[in-house]
Protein backbone atom coordinates (compact mmCIF):
# COMPACT_ATOMS: atom_id res chain seq x y z
CA MET A 1 0.00 0.00 0.00
CA PHE A 2 1.50 3.32 0.97
CA SER A 3 5.24 3.52 0.76
CA CYS A 4 7.50 5.84 2.68
CA ASP A 5 10.82 7.41 1.84
CA ASP A 6 12.32 7.07 5.31
CA ARG A 7 15.07 9.53 4.48
CA GLU A 8 12.53 12.31 4.17
CA GLY A 9 9.46 10.94 5.92
CA VAL A 10 7.44 11.27 2.69
CA TRP A 11 4.44 8.96 2.28
CA MET A 12 3.07 8.34 -1.18
CA LEU A 13 0.62 6.16 -3.06
CA GLU A 14 2.07 2.97 -4.49
CA LEU A 15 0.60 3.67 -7.98
CA ARG A 16 0.17 0.10 -9.17
CA PRO A 17 0.89 -0.45 -12.87
CA ASN A 18 -2.22 -2.36 -13.93
CA CYS A 19 -5.93 -2.99 -13.54
CA GLU A 20 -6.66 -5.84 -11.13
CA CYS A 21 -9.55 -7.03 -13.31
CA CYS A 22 -8.33 -6.95 -16.92
CA ASP A 23 -4.57 -6.35 -16.44
CA GLU A 24 -4.60 -3.21 -18.62
CA ASP A 25 -1.47 -1.11 -18.18
CA LEU A 26 -2.08 2.10 -16.19
CA LYS A 27 0.52 4.83 -16.46
CA PRO A 28 1.22 6.89 -13.32
CA ASP A 29 1.29 10.17 -15.24
CA GLN A 30 -1.96 9.71 -17.18
CA PRO A 31 -5.62 9.62 -16.15
CA GLY A 32 -7.60 6.40 -16.33
CA ALA A 33 -6.82 4.65 -13.04
CA TRP A 34 -9.27 4.34 -10.16
CA ILE A 35 -8.44 3.36 -6.56
CA CYS A 36 -10.15 2.64 -3.26
CA SER A 37 -8.75 3.60 0.14
CA PHE A 38 -6.67 0.40 0.17
CA GLU A 39 -5.14 1.27 -3.24
CA CYS A 40 -6.89 -1.54 -5.10
CA THR A 41 -6.49 -0.31 -8.67
CA PHE A 42 -8.75 -0.56 -11.72
CA CYS A 43 -9.02 0.94 -15.21
CA THR A 44 -11.90 3.27 -16.09
CA ALA A 45 -13.79 0.64 -18.09
CA CYS A 46 -13.71 -1.93 -15.28
CA ALA A 47 -14.40 0.65 -12.55
CA ASN A 48 -17.48 1.95 -14.36
CA GLN A 49 -18.87 -0.96 -16.38
CA ARG A 50 -18.03 -4.01 -14.26
CA LEU A 51 -17.69 -2.64 -10.76
CA HIS A 52 -20.05 0.35 -10.90
CA GLY A 53 -17.74 2.47 -8.74
CA SER A 54 -17.38 -0.03 -5.89
CA CYS A 55 -14.22 -2.00 -5.02
CA PRO A 56 -14.84 -5.77 -5.27
CA ASN A 57 -12.24 -6.40 -2.55
CA CYS A 58 -13.38 -4.10 0.24
CA GLY A 59 -16.63 -2.58 -0.99
CA GLY A 60 -15.13 0.90 -0.84
CA GLU A 61 -15.74 3.73 -3.26
CA LEU A 62 -13.48 3.92 -6.33
CA LEU A 63 -12.10 7.39 -7.02
CA PRO A 64 -9.78 8.73 -9.74
CA ARG A 65 -6.17 8.02 -8.82
CA PRO A 66 -4.01 11.16 -8.57
CA LEU A 67 -1.33 11.61 -11.22
CA ARG A 68 2.39 11.65 -10.51
CA SER A 69 4.62 13.10 -13.18
CA GLY A 70 7.83 14.93 -13.95
CA ALA A 71 10.37 15.29 -11.16
CA ALA A 72 8.07 13.68 -8.59
CA LEU A 73 7.73 10.53 -10.72
CA ALA A 74 11.47 10.43 -11.34
CA ARG A 75 12.21 10.75 -7.63
CA TYR A 76 9.37 8.53 -6.43
CA PRO A 77 8.69 5.98 -9.19
CA ALA A 78 5.47 4.04 -9.42
CA SER A 79 5.32 0.43 -8.33
CA GLN A 80 6.18 -2.26 -10.86
CA LYS A 81 4.43 -5.00 -8.88
CA ARG A 82 1.37 -6.17 -10.80
CA VAL A 83 -1.70 -7.18 -8.76
CA ARG A 84 -4.31 -9.25 -10.56
CA LYS A 85 -7.41 -11.15 -9.58
CA PRO A 86 -6.83 -14.59 -11.16
CA ALA A 87 -10.44 -14.89 -12.34
CA GLY A 88 -10.78 -11.19 -13.21
CA CYS A 89 -13.71 -9.25 -11.82
CA LYS A 90 -17.35 -10.17 -12.11
CA GLU A 91 -19.88 -7.52 -13.01
CA GLY A 92 -21.57 -6.23 -9.92
């Protein structure tokens, strides 16, 4: 989930690289990713059409993920760890 740069005490979102449902790539510096408060991550199509704005893992609200770009992205890169639901996501 959240990661911390202990040298500076900076906490940031993990920014996962893919949709948990369909495995679509999600770039940290472009819109199109949706997250819940636990950072479960989904693409716009899955968040809207399959999940109807609700996280299938925790039931929380899905909101647009903030962007990280430029110097901030260079200094605090996005996660490269892919998280995927083996069976995808069922429409809810």
